[in-house]
Amino acid sequence: MAALVARDIPAGSFVNLGIGQPTSVADHLRADQGVVLHTENGMLGMGPRPAPGEEDPELTNAGKQPVTELPGASYFDSAASFAMMRGGHLDVCVLGAFQVSAGGDLANWHTGAPDAIPAVGGAMDLALGAKSVFVMMTLFAKDGTPKLVPSCTYPLTGVGCVDRVYTELAVFDLRPEGVVVRETFGTSYDELAARLEVPLLR
């Protein structure tokens, strides 16, 4: 999935990678794409993961994972970082999700579980501030229920903000006319249509 997302990010984009699966996108970006990675904790010009043994404890992403810096990287405080996120300065953000609705609503911070410690963090700012929102997630939960749904049952992070969903079985574009199956992997359109409650378009 990370390689597919990296492939589809437009050249020269300013991009934020959310915590979890999205961080792996950094490892698949090509230098000639000219993509500049932003981290919520205050860095512009983040590179891929460091080689084992070359980690710098002072260089981490928002998920506290070790990262590298590229030539020209810069650092700033949280106020400047969130101003970039909220001000429409990011071209793309890539987020994980618990659920995405057919209308592009995003639920990625809380499942409503009584023992969970909810914290929306900067996901709300990214979902509404970035020009395009890509989601990386498994298409089905562990119990087999779909995560691409007619409407979200978990608390929302953002309304109508998701443009594209990347899963292990298919990539979907969320458009005003409906959910479009962009490409599939090891399955077919008909099989997906039978398993999902969301109407699909070719």
N, C-alpha and C. Protein backbone atom coordinates (compact mmCIF):
# COMPACT_ATOMS: atom_id res chain seq x y z
N MET A 1 0.82 -1.20 0.00
CA MET A 1 0.00 0.00 0.00
C MET A 1 0.86 1.26 0.00
N ALA A 2 1.92 1.23 0.79
CA ALA A 2 2.78 2.41 0.89
C ALA A 2 3.40 2.76 -0.46
N ALA A 3 3.80 1.74 -1.20
CA ALA A 3 4.38 1.99 -2.52
C ALA A 3 3.35 2.59 -3.47
N LEU A 4 2.11 2.14 -3.38
CA LEU A 4 1.05 2.69 -4.22
C LEU A 4 0.79 4.15 -3.89
N VAL A 5 0.74 4.46 -2.60
CA VAL A 5 0.52 5.85 -2.20
C VAL A 5 1.67 6.72 -2.69
N ALA A 6 2.89 6.26 -2.49
CA ALA A 6 4.06 7.03 -2.93
C ALA A 6 4.02 7.27 -4.43
N ARG A 7 3.61 6.28 -5.18
CA ARG A 7 3.49 6.41 -6.63
C ARG A 7 2.52 7.50 -7.03
N ASP A 8 1.44 7.65 -6.27
CA ASP A 8 0.37 8.56 -6.66
C ASP A 8 0.50 9.97 -6.12
N ILE A 9 1.48 10.23 -5.28
CA ILE A 9 1.67 11.60 -4.76
C ILE A 9 2.27 12.46 -5.87
N PRO A 10 1.62 13.56 -6.21
CA PRO A 10 2.14 14.41 -7.30
C PRO A 10 3.53 14.95 -7.00
N ALA A 11 4.33 15.08 -8.03
CA ALA A 11 5.69 15.59 -7.89
C ALA A 11 5.65 16.99 -7.28
N GLY A 12 6.60 17.26 -6.40
CA GLY A 12 6.72 18.58 -5.81
C GLY A 12 5.75 18.87 -4.69
N SER A 13 5.01 17.86 -4.23
CA SER A 13 4.00 18.08 -3.19
C SER A 13 4.63 18.23 -1.81
N PHE A 14 3.95 19.01 -0.97
CA PHE A 14 4.25 19.06 0.47
C PHE A 14 3.26 18.11 1.15
N VAL A 15 3.80 17.14 1.91
CA VAL A 15 2.99 16.01 2.36
C VAL A 15 3.23 15.73 3.84
N ASN A 16 2.13 15.41 4.55
CA ASN A 16 2.24 14.94 5.93
C ASN A 16 1.83 13.47 5.97
N LEU A 17 2.62 12.67 6.67
CA LEU A 17 2.32 11.24 6.83
C LEU A 17 1.87 11.00 8.26
N GLY A 18 0.65 10.49 8.43
CA GLY A 18 0.10 10.25 9.75
C GLY A 18 0.81 9.11 10.46
N ILE A 19 0.49 8.96 11.74
CA ILE A 19 1.07 7.93 12.58
C ILE A 19 0.59 6.54 12.14
N GLY A 20 1.46 5.55 12.24
CA GLY A 20 1.10 4.18 11.88
C GLY A 20 1.53 3.84 10.47
N GLN A 21 0.69 3.11 9.75
CA GLN A 21 1.01 2.66 8.40
C GLN A 21 1.50 3.78 7.48
N PRO A 22 0.91 4.96 7.51
CA PRO A 22 1.34 6.01 6.56
C PRO A 22 2.81 6.38 6.64
N THR A 23 3.46 6.19 7.79
CA THR A 23 4.86 6.58 7.89
C THR A 23 5.75 5.80 6.92
N SER A 24 5.32 4.60 6.53
CA SER A 24 6.12 3.78 5.63
C SER A 24 6.17 4.33 4.21
N VAL A 25 5.29 5.28 3.89
CA VAL A 25 5.31 5.89 2.56
C VAL A 25 6.65 6.58 2.31
N ALA A 26 7.26 7.12 3.35
CA ALA A 26 8.54 7.82 3.21
C ALA A 26 9.61 6.94 2.60
N ASP A 27 9.53 5.64 2.84
CA ASP A 27 10.55 4.71 2.35
C ASP A 27 10.39 4.39 0.87
N HIS A 28 9.29 4.83 0.26
CA HIS A 28 9.01 4.50 -1.14
C HIS A 28 9.01 5.71 -2.08
N LEU A 29 9.26 6.88 -1.54
CA LEU A 29 9.32 8.08 -2.37
C LEU A 29 10.65 8.14 -3.12
N ARG A 30 10.61 8.52 -4.37
CA ARG A 30 11.82 8.68 -5.17
C ARG A 30 12.34 10.11 -5.03
N ALA A 31 13.66 10.26 -5.08
CA ALA A 31 14.25 11.59 -4.96
C ALA A 31 13.78 12.51 -6.08
N ASP A 32 13.57 11.94 -7.29
CA ASP A 32 13.18 12.80 -8.41
C ASP A 32 11.73 13.25 -8.34
N GLN A 33 10.95 12.74 -7.36
CA GLN A 33 9.58 13.22 -7.18
C GLN A 33 9.55 14.62 -6.56
N GLY A 34 10.60 14.94 -5.83
CA GLY A 34 10.66 16.26 -5.20
C GLY A 34 9.61 16.47 -4.12
N VAL A 35 9.16 15.39 -3.49
CA VAL A 35 8.16 15.49 -2.43
C VAL A 35 8.84 15.94 -1.13
N VAL A 36 8.25 16.92 -0.46
CA VAL A 36 8.78 17.42 0.81
C VAL A 36 7.86 16.96 1.93
N LEU A 37 8.41 16.21 2.88
CA LEU A 37 7.62 15.66 3.97
C LEU A 37 7.63 16.57 5.19
N HIS A 38 6.44 16.78 5.74
CA HIS A 38 6.22 17.62 6.92
C HIS A 38 5.85 16.71 8.08
N THR A 39 6.39 16.99 9.27
CA THR A 39 5.97 16.26 10.46
C THR A 39 5.31 17.23 11.42
N GLU A 40 4.26 16.74 12.05
CA GLU A 40 3.46 17.56 12.96
C GLU A 40 4.29 18.12 14.12
N ASN A 41 5.33 17.38 14.52
CA ASN A 41 6.15 17.82 15.64
C ASN A 41 7.23 18.82 15.25
N GLY A 42 7.21 19.31 14.00
CA GLY A 42 8.03 20.47 13.67
C GLY A 42 9.23 20.26 12.78
N MET A 43 9.05 19.53 11.67
CA MET A 43 10.16 19.32 10.74
C MET A 43 9.64 19.33 9.32
N LEU A 44 10.39 19.96 8.45
CA LEU A 44 10.10 19.96 7.02
C LEU A 44 11.34 19.44 6.31
N GLY A 45 11.15 18.43 5.46
CA GLY A 45 12.30 17.82 4.79
C GLY A 45 12.69 16.50 5.43
N MET A 46 11.70 15.78 5.96
CA MET A 46 11.97 14.48 6.56
C MET A 46 12.30 13.46 5.48
N GLY A 47 13.20 12.56 5.81
CA GLY A 47 13.58 11.50 4.89
C GLY A 47 13.03 10.16 5.33
N PRO A 48 13.51 9.06 4.74
CA PRO A 48 13.05 7.72 5.11
C PRO A 48 13.60 7.29 6.47
N ARG A 49 13.21 6.09 6.88
CA ARG A 49 13.72 5.55 8.13
C ARG A 49 15.24 5.37 8.05
N PRO A 50 15.94 5.58 9.15
CA PRO A 50 17.39 5.36 9.14
C PRO A 50 17.72 3.88 9.13
N ALA A 51 18.93 3.57 8.67
CA ALA A 51 19.39 2.19 8.72
C ALA A 51 19.59 1.78 10.18
N PRO A 52 19.42 0.49 10.50
CA PRO A 52 19.62 0.04 11.88
C PRO A 52 20.99 0.46 12.41
N GLY A 53 20.99 1.01 13.61
CA GLY A 53 22.23 1.47 14.22
C GLY A 53 22.57 2.91 13.90
N GLU A 54 21.84 3.54 12.97
CA GLU A 54 22.12 4.93 12.59
C GLU A 54 21.04 5.88 13.06
N GLU A 55 20.20 5.44 13.99
CA GLU A 55 19.13 6.28 14.50
C GLU A 55 19.70 7.45 15.32
N ASP A 56 19.07 8.61 15.19
CA ASP A 56 19.40 9.79 15.99
C ASP A 56 18.21 10.04 16.90
N PRO A 57 18.37 9.93 18.21
CA PRO A 57 17.22 10.08 19.12
C PRO A 57 16.56 11.46 19.05
N GLU A 58 17.24 12.43 18.47
CA GLU A 58 16.66 13.77 18.35
C GLU A 58 15.92 13.97 17.04
N LEU A 59 15.94 12.96 16.16
CA LEU A 59 15.23 13.04 14.89
C LEU A 59 14.11 12.00 14.88
N THR A 60 12.89 12.45 15.17
CA THR A 60 11.74 11.55 15.18
C THR A 60 10.56 12.21 14.49
N ASN A 61 9.61 11.39 14.07
CA ASN A 61 8.37 11.92 13.52
C ASN A 61 7.35 12.08 14.66
N ALA A 62 6.12 12.43 14.31
CA ALA A 62 5.10 12.67 15.34
C ALA A 62 4.76 11.41 16.13
N GLY A 63 5.03 10.24 15.55
CA GLY A 63 4.79 8.99 16.24
C GLY A 63 5.99 8.51 17.04
N LYS A 64 7.00 9.38 17.18
CA LYS A 64 8.22 9.10 17.93
C LYS A 64 9.06 7.99 17.31
N GLN A 65 8.90 7.77 16.01
CA GLN A 65 9.73 6.81 15.30
C GLN A 65 10.95 7.54 14.73
N PRO A 66 12.12 6.91 14.73
CA PRO A 66 13.31 7.57 14.19
C PRO A 66 13.19 7.81 12.69
N VAL A 67 13.64 8.98 12.25
CA VAL A 67 13.61 9.35 10.84
C VAL A 67 14.95 9.95 10.47
N THR A 68 15.10 10.28 9.20
CA THR A 68 16.29 10.98 8.74
C THR A 68 15.89 12.36 8.24
N GLU A 69 16.89 13.21 8.05
CA GLU A 69 16.64 14.53 7.48
C GLU A 69 17.32 14.60 6.11
N LEU A 70 16.67 15.29 5.18
CA LEU A 70 17.23 15.47 3.85
C LEU A 70 17.92 16.83 3.77
N PRO A 71 18.81 17.04 2.81
CA PRO A 71 19.46 18.35 2.67
C PRO A 71 18.41 19.46 2.59
N GLY A 72 18.62 20.52 3.38
CA GLY A 72 17.69 21.64 3.38
C GLY A 72 16.58 21.51 4.40
N ALA A 73 16.60 20.45 5.20
CA ALA A 73 15.56 20.26 6.21
C ALA A 73 15.54 21.43 7.19
N SER A 74 14.35 21.74 7.70
CA SER A 74 14.21 22.84 8.65
C SER A 74 13.36 22.40 9.83
N TYR A 75 13.47 23.15 10.92
CA TYR A 75 12.77 22.82 12.15
C TYR A 75 12.02 24.04 12.66
N PHE A 76 10.90 23.81 13.36
CA PHE A 76 10.09 24.93 13.83
C PHE A 76 9.23 24.45 14.99
N ASP A 77 8.56 25.39 15.66
CA ASP A 77 7.75 25.02 16.81
C ASP A 77 6.36 24.54 16.40
N SER A 78 5.59 24.10 17.38
CA SER A 78 4.27 23.55 17.10
C SER A 78 3.33 24.58 16.50
N ALA A 79 3.45 25.83 16.91
CA ALA A 79 2.57 26.87 16.37
C ALA A 79 2.76 27.00 14.87
N ALA A 80 4.02 27.02 14.42
CA ALA A 80 4.29 27.12 12.99
C ALA A 80 3.85 25.86 12.26
N SER A 81 4.06 24.70 12.89
CA SER A 81 3.68 23.44 12.26
C SER A 81 2.18 23.37 12.05
N PHE A 82 1.41 23.73 13.07
CA PHE A 82 -0.05 23.68 12.94
C PHE A 82 -0.57 24.76 12.02
N ALA A 83 0.14 25.88 11.92
CA ALA A 83 -0.26 26.91 10.95
C ALA A 83 -0.12 26.39 9.53
N MET A 84 0.89 25.59 9.28
CA MET A 84 1.05 24.97 7.96
C MET A 84 -0.10 24.00 7.69
N MET A 85 -0.46 23.23 8.71
CA MET A 85 -1.52 22.24 8.56
C MET A 85 -2.88 22.89 8.36
N ARG A 86 -3.17 23.89 9.17
CA ARG A 86 -4.49 24.52 9.14
C ARG A 86 -4.64 25.52 8.01
N GLY A 87 -3.52 26.02 7.51
CA GLY A 87 -3.57 27.12 6.55
C GLY A 87 -3.63 26.70 5.10
N GLY A 88 -3.79 25.40 4.83
CA GLY A 88 -3.89 24.95 3.45
C GLY A 88 -2.56 24.87 2.73
N HIS A 89 -1.47 24.74 3.49
CA HIS A 89 -0.14 24.71 2.86
C HIS A 89 0.33 23.30 2.52
N LEU A 90 -0.40 22.28 2.97
CA LEU A 90 -0.04 20.91 2.64
C LEU A 90 -0.87 20.43 1.46
N ASP A 91 -0.20 19.85 0.48
CA ASP A 91 -0.90 19.35 -0.70
C ASP A 91 -1.62 18.04 -0.43
N VAL A 92 -0.97 17.17 0.35
CA VAL A 92 -1.52 15.83 0.62
C VAL A 92 -1.23 15.46 2.06
N CYS A 93 -2.18 14.82 2.72
CA CYS A 93 -1.86 14.12 3.96
C CYS A 93 -2.33 12.68 3.81
N VAL A 94 -1.60 11.78 4.43
CA VAL A 94 -1.91 10.35 4.37
C VAL A 94 -2.20 9.90 5.80
N LEU A 95 -3.41 9.41 6.03
CA LEU A 95 -3.84 9.05 7.37
C LEU A 95 -4.32 7.60 7.44
N GLY A 96 -4.27 7.02 8.62
CA GLY A 96 -4.91 5.75 8.87
C GLY A 96 -6.36 5.99 9.25
N ALA A 97 -7.15 4.91 9.36
CA ALA A 97 -8.56 5.09 9.71
C ALA A 97 -9.16 3.84 10.31
N PHE A 98 -10.14 4.04 11.19
CA PHE A 98 -10.99 2.96 11.68
C PHE A 98 -12.15 2.75 10.72
N GLN A 99 -12.66 3.86 10.18
CA GLN A 99 -13.75 3.82 9.21
C GLN A 99 -13.65 5.03 8.28
N VAL A 100 -14.11 4.81 7.04
CA VAL A 100 -14.31 5.90 6.08
C VAL A 100 -15.68 5.69 5.46
N SER A 101 -16.46 6.76 5.37
CA SER A 101 -17.79 6.62 4.77
C SER A 101 -17.73 6.87 3.27
N ALA A 102 -18.79 6.44 2.58
CA ALA A 102 -18.87 6.64 1.14
C ALA A 102 -18.84 8.12 0.78
N GLY A 103 -19.26 8.96 1.71
CA GLY A 103 -19.25 10.40 1.47
C GLY A 103 -17.95 11.07 1.84
N GLY A 104 -16.95 10.28 2.24
CA GLY A 104 -15.64 10.84 2.57
C GLY A 104 -15.45 11.25 4.01
N ASP A 105 -16.40 10.89 4.89
CA ASP A 105 -16.21 11.17 6.32
C ASP A 105 -15.12 10.25 6.88
N LEU A 106 -14.35 10.79 7.81
CA LEU A 106 -13.22 10.06 8.38
C LEU A 106 -13.39 9.86 9.88
N ALA A 107 -13.19 8.62 10.33
CA ALA A 107 -13.17 8.30 11.76
C ALA A 107 -11.87 7.57 12.04
N ASN A 108 -10.94 8.24 12.71
CA ASN A 108 -9.64 7.60 12.92
C ASN A 108 -9.01 7.86 14.28
N TRP A 109 -9.83 8.34 15.24
CA TRP A 109 -9.18 8.67 16.52
C TRP A 109 -9.78 7.94 17.72
N HIS A 110 -10.97 7.35 17.57
CA HIS A 110 -11.60 6.74 18.74
C HIS A 110 -12.66 5.75 18.27
N THR A 111 -12.68 4.57 18.88
CA THR A 111 -13.68 3.55 18.52
C THR A 111 -14.86 3.55 19.49
N GLY A 112 -14.77 4.37 20.52
CA GLY A 112 -15.83 4.38 21.53
C GLY A 112 -15.64 3.31 22.59
N ALA A 113 -14.56 2.54 22.49
CA ALA A 113 -14.30 1.50 23.49
C ALA A 113 -14.11 2.14 24.87
N PRO A 114 -14.73 1.57 25.92
CA PRO A 114 -14.68 2.20 27.24
C PRO A 114 -13.29 2.29 27.85
N ASP A 115 -12.37 1.40 27.45
CA ASP A 115 -11.03 1.41 28.03
C ASP A 115 -10.03 2.19 27.19
N ALA A 116 -10.49 2.80 26.09
CA ALA A 116 -9.59 3.54 25.22
C ALA A 116 -9.32 4.93 25.78
N ILE A 117 -8.17 5.47 25.44
CA ILE A 117 -7.82 6.84 25.82
C ILE A 117 -7.84 7.67 24.55
N PRO A 118 -8.96 8.32 24.25
CA PRO A 118 -9.08 9.03 22.97
C PRO A 118 -8.21 10.28 22.92
N ALA A 119 -7.60 10.51 21.77
CA ALA A 119 -6.80 11.72 21.55
C ALA A 119 -6.77 11.98 20.05
N VAL A 120 -7.50 12.98 19.62
CA VAL A 120 -7.56 13.24 18.19
C VAL A 120 -6.26 13.83 17.67
N GLY A 121 -5.47 14.47 18.54
CA GLY A 121 -4.19 15.03 18.12
C GLY A 121 -4.34 16.00 16.97
N GLY A 122 -3.43 15.90 15.99
CA GLY A 122 -3.49 16.80 14.84
C GLY A 122 -4.25 16.24 13.67
N ALA A 123 -4.85 15.06 13.83
CA ALA A 123 -5.55 14.43 12.70
C ALA A 123 -6.67 15.31 12.17
N MET A 124 -7.40 15.97 13.06
CA MET A 124 -8.50 16.84 12.64
C MET A 124 -7.97 18.00 11.79
N ASP A 125 -6.85 18.58 12.23
CA ASP A 125 -6.26 19.70 11.50
C ASP A 125 -5.76 19.26 10.12
N LEU A 126 -5.16 18.07 10.06
CA LEU A 126 -4.66 17.55 8.79
C LEU A 126 -5.80 17.21 7.85
N ALA A 127 -6.84 16.55 8.38
CA ALA A 127 -7.95 16.11 7.54
C ALA A 127 -8.66 17.30 6.88
N LEU A 128 -8.74 18.40 7.58
CA LEU A 128 -9.47 19.55 7.05
C LEU A 128 -8.55 20.58 6.41
N GLY A 129 -7.26 20.52 6.71
CA GLY A 129 -6.36 21.54 6.19
C GLY A 129 -5.63 21.16 4.91
N ALA A 130 -5.42 19.85 4.70
CA ALA A 130 -4.70 19.41 3.50
C ALA A 130 -5.60 19.50 2.27
N LYS A 131 -4.99 19.77 1.13
CA LYS A 131 -5.77 19.89 -0.11
C LYS A 131 -6.32 18.54 -0.56
N SER A 132 -5.59 17.45 -0.31
CA SER A 132 -6.05 16.10 -0.63
C SER A 132 -5.76 15.20 0.55
N VAL A 133 -6.72 14.33 0.87
CA VAL A 133 -6.56 13.39 1.98
C VAL A 133 -6.62 11.97 1.45
N PHE A 134 -5.53 11.24 1.63
CA PHE A 134 -5.46 9.83 1.28
C PHE A 134 -5.53 9.03 2.57
N VAL A 135 -6.24 7.91 2.55
CA VAL A 135 -6.32 7.03 3.72
C VAL A 135 -5.71 5.69 3.37
N MET A 136 -4.92 5.14 4.29
CA MET A 136 -4.39 3.78 4.19
C MET A 136 -5.02 2.96 5.31
N MET A 137 -5.68 1.86 4.97
CA MET A 137 -6.28 1.01 5.99
C MET A 137 -6.58 -0.36 5.40
N THR A 138 -6.78 -1.35 6.27
CA THR A 138 -7.30 -2.63 5.79
C THR A 138 -8.77 -2.42 5.43
N LEU A 139 -9.25 -3.15 4.45
CA LEU A 139 -10.63 -2.95 4.01
C LEU A 139 -11.63 -3.54 5.00
N PHE A 140 -11.19 -4.55 5.76
CA PHE A 140 -12.09 -5.20 6.72
C PHE A 140 -11.42 -5.24 8.09
N ALA A 141 -12.22 -5.09 9.13
CA ALA A 141 -11.73 -5.20 10.50
C ALA A 141 -11.44 -6.66 10.83
N LYS A 142 -10.88 -6.91 12.01
CA LYS A 142 -10.53 -8.27 12.41
C LYS A 142 -11.75 -9.18 12.48
N ASP A 143 -12.92 -8.60 12.75
CA ASP A 143 -14.13 -9.42 12.82
C ASP A 143 -14.81 -9.57 11.47
N GLY A 144 -14.17 -9.05 10.41
CA GLY A 144 -14.69 -9.21 9.06
C GLY A 144 -15.63 -8.12 8.60
N THR A 145 -15.96 -7.18 9.47
CA THR A 145 -16.86 -6.10 9.07
C THR A 145 -16.11 -5.07 8.22
N PRO A 146 -16.78 -4.49 7.22
CA PRO A 146 -16.13 -3.51 6.36
C PRO A 146 -15.76 -2.22 7.10
N LYS A 147 -14.68 -1.63 6.69
CA LYS A 147 -14.27 -0.34 7.24
C LYS A 147 -14.59 0.80 6.28
N LEU A 148 -14.92 0.46 5.03
CA LEU A 148 -15.48 1.42 4.09
C LEU A 148 -16.99 1.23 4.15
N VAL A 149 -17.70 2.22 4.70
CA VAL A 149 -19.09 2.03 5.11
C VAL A 149 -20.01 3.12 4.55
N PRO A 150 -21.32 2.87 4.54
CA PRO A 150 -22.26 3.91 4.10
C PRO A 150 -22.17 5.16 4.98
N SER A 151 -22.07 4.96 6.30
CA SER A 151 -21.89 6.08 7.23
C SER A 151 -21.10 5.58 8.43
N CYS A 152 -20.26 6.42 8.99
CA CYS A 152 -19.39 6.02 10.09
C CYS A 152 -20.20 5.87 11.38
N THR A 153 -19.84 4.86 12.17
CA THR A 153 -20.46 4.66 13.48
C THR A 153 -19.52 5.10 14.60
N TYR A 154 -18.26 5.37 14.28
CA TYR A 154 -17.31 5.87 15.27
C TYR A 154 -17.30 7.40 15.24
N PRO A 155 -16.80 8.04 16.30
CA PRO A 155 -16.72 9.50 16.31
C PRO A 155 -15.88 10.02 15.14
N LEU A 156 -16.37 11.09 14.51
CA LEU A 156 -15.71 11.59 13.30
C LEU A 156 -14.49 12.45 13.62
N THR A 157 -13.53 12.36 12.72
CA THR A 157 -12.38 13.25 12.71
C THR A 157 -12.64 14.42 11.78
N GLY A 158 -13.25 14.13 10.64
CA GLY A 158 -13.56 15.16 9.65
C GLY A 158 -14.72 14.71 8.78
N VAL A 159 -15.44 15.67 8.22
CA VAL A 159 -16.62 15.40 7.39
C VAL A 159 -16.29 15.66 5.93
N GLY A 160 -16.55 14.67 5.08
CA GLY A 160 -16.37 14.84 3.64
C GLY A 160 -14.97 15.23 3.22
N CYS A 161 -13.97 14.72 3.93
CA CYS A 161 -12.60 15.17 3.70
C CYS A 161 -11.73 14.17 2.93
N VAL A 162 -12.12 12.90 2.86
CA VAL A 162 -11.27 11.87 2.25
C VAL A 162 -11.48 11.83 0.74
N ASP A 163 -10.38 11.84 0.01
CA ASP A 163 -10.43 11.79 -1.45
C ASP A 163 -10.18 10.39 -2.01
N ARG A 164 -9.31 9.63 -1.35
CA ARG A 164 -8.93 8.32 -1.87
C ARG A 164 -8.62 7.39 -0.71
N VAL A 165 -8.97 6.10 -0.88
CA VAL A 165 -8.71 5.09 0.14
C VAL A 165 -7.88 3.97 -0.46
N TYR A 166 -6.75 3.66 0.19
CA TYR A 166 -5.86 2.58 -0.23
C TYR A 166 -6.03 1.42 0.74
N THR A 167 -6.35 0.24 0.21
CA THR A 167 -6.46 -0.96 1.04
C THR A 167 -5.66 -2.08 0.39
N GLU A 168 -5.57 -3.21 1.09
CA GLU A 168 -4.83 -4.35 0.55
C GLU A 168 -5.56 -5.04 -0.60
N LEU A 169 -6.85 -4.74 -0.77
CA LEU A 169 -7.64 -5.39 -1.82
C LEU A 169 -7.99 -4.46 -2.97
N ALA A 170 -8.01 -3.17 -2.72
CA ALA A 170 -8.42 -2.24 -3.78
C ALA A 170 -8.10 -0.81 -3.39
N VAL A 171 -8.07 0.05 -4.40
CA VAL A 171 -7.95 1.50 -4.19
C VAL A 171 -9.26 2.11 -4.66
N PHE A 172 -9.80 3.00 -3.83
CA PHE A 172 -11.09 3.62 -4.12
C PHE A 172 -10.96 5.14 -4.19
N ASP A 173 -11.60 5.73 -5.18
CA ASP A 173 -11.75 7.18 -5.23
C ASP A 173 -13.13 7.53 -4.71
N LEU A 174 -13.19 8.50 -3.80
CA LEU A 174 -14.47 8.95 -3.26
C LEU A 174 -14.86 10.23 -3.98
N ARG A 175 -15.83 10.13 -4.86
CA ARG A 175 -16.23 11.25 -5.71
C ARG A 175 -17.68 11.64 -5.42
N PRO A 176 -18.09 12.82 -5.85
CA PRO A 176 -19.49 13.24 -5.62
C PRO A 176 -20.50 12.24 -6.16
N GLU A 177 -20.14 11.56 -7.26
CA GLU A 177 -21.08 10.61 -7.86
C GLU A 177 -21.06 9.25 -7.18
N GLY A 178 -20.08 8.99 -6.31
CA GLY A 178 -20.03 7.72 -5.62
C GLY A 178 -18.62 7.19 -5.42
N VAL A 179 -18.53 5.94 -4.95
CA VAL A 179 -17.26 5.28 -4.68
C VAL A 179 -16.80 4.55 -5.93
N VAL A 180 -15.67 4.96 -6.47
CA VAL A 180 -15.16 4.40 -7.72
C VAL A 180 -14.00 3.44 -7.40
N VAL A 181 -14.08 2.23 -7.93
CA VAL A 181 -13.00 1.26 -7.76
C VAL A 181 -11.90 1.61 -8.77
N ARG A 182 -10.79 2.08 -8.25
CA ARG A 182 -9.68 2.54 -9.10
C ARG A 182 -8.84 1.37 -9.61
N GLU A 183 -8.52 0.43 -8.72
CA GLU A 183 -7.79 -0.78 -9.09
C GLU A 183 -7.98 -1.83 -7.99
N THR A 184 -7.81 -3.09 -8.35
CA THR A 184 -8.01 -4.18 -7.39
C THR A 184 -6.77 -5.07 -7.33
N PHE A 185 -6.65 -5.84 -6.22
CA PHE A 185 -5.50 -6.71 -6.01
C PHE A 185 -6.00 -8.06 -5.48
N GLY A 186 -5.91 -9.10 -6.30
CA GLY A 186 -6.29 -10.43 -5.87
C GLY A 186 -7.78 -10.61 -5.64
N THR A 187 -8.58 -9.72 -6.13
CA THR A 187 -10.03 -9.82 -6.03
C THR A 187 -10.64 -9.16 -7.26
N SER A 188 -11.95 -9.16 -7.34
CA SER A 188 -12.61 -8.57 -8.49
C SER A 188 -13.63 -7.53 -8.03
N TYR A 189 -14.08 -6.75 -8.98
CA TYR A 189 -15.12 -5.76 -8.69
C TYR A 189 -16.36 -6.45 -8.12
N ASP A 190 -16.78 -7.54 -8.72
CA ASP A 190 -17.99 -8.24 -8.27
C ASP A 190 -17.83 -8.78 -6.85
N GLU A 191 -16.65 -9.31 -6.53
CA GLU A 191 -16.41 -9.82 -5.17
C GLU A 191 -16.45 -8.70 -4.15
N LEU A 192 -15.87 -7.55 -4.50
CA LEU A 192 -15.91 -6.40 -3.60
C LEU A 192 -17.34 -5.92 -3.40
N ALA A 193 -18.08 -5.83 -4.49
CA ALA A 193 -19.46 -5.36 -4.43
C ALA A 193 -20.31 -6.26 -3.54
N ALA A 194 -20.00 -7.56 -3.52
CA ALA A 194 -20.77 -8.50 -2.72
C ALA A 194 -20.45 -8.38 -1.23
N ARG A 195 -19.24 -7.95 -0.91
CA ARG A 195 -18.81 -7.89 0.49
C ARG A 195 -19.05 -6.53 1.15
N LEU A 196 -19.20 -5.48 0.35
CA LEU A 196 -19.36 -4.14 0.89
C LEU A 196 -20.81 -3.69 0.80
N GLU A 197 -21.24 -2.90 1.75
CA GLU A 197 -22.59 -2.34 1.73
C GLU A 197 -22.64 -1.05 0.94
N VAL A 198 -21.48 -0.57 0.53
CA VAL A 198 -21.40 0.69 -0.22
C VAL A 198 -21.55 0.39 -1.73
N PRO A 199 -22.44 1.05 -2.42
CA PRO A 199 -22.53 0.87 -3.88
C PRO A 199 -21.21 1.29 -4.54
N LEU A 200 -20.74 0.48 -5.48
CA LEU A 200 -19.46 0.74 -6.13
C LEU A 200 -19.66 1.08 -7.59
N LEU A 201 -18.81 1.97 -8.08
CA LEU A 201 -18.80 2.34 -9.50
C LEU A 201 -17.51 1.87 -10.13
N ARG A 202 -17.59 1.57 -11.40
CA ARG A 202 -16.39 1.14 -12.12
C ARG A 202 -15.65 2.36 -12.66
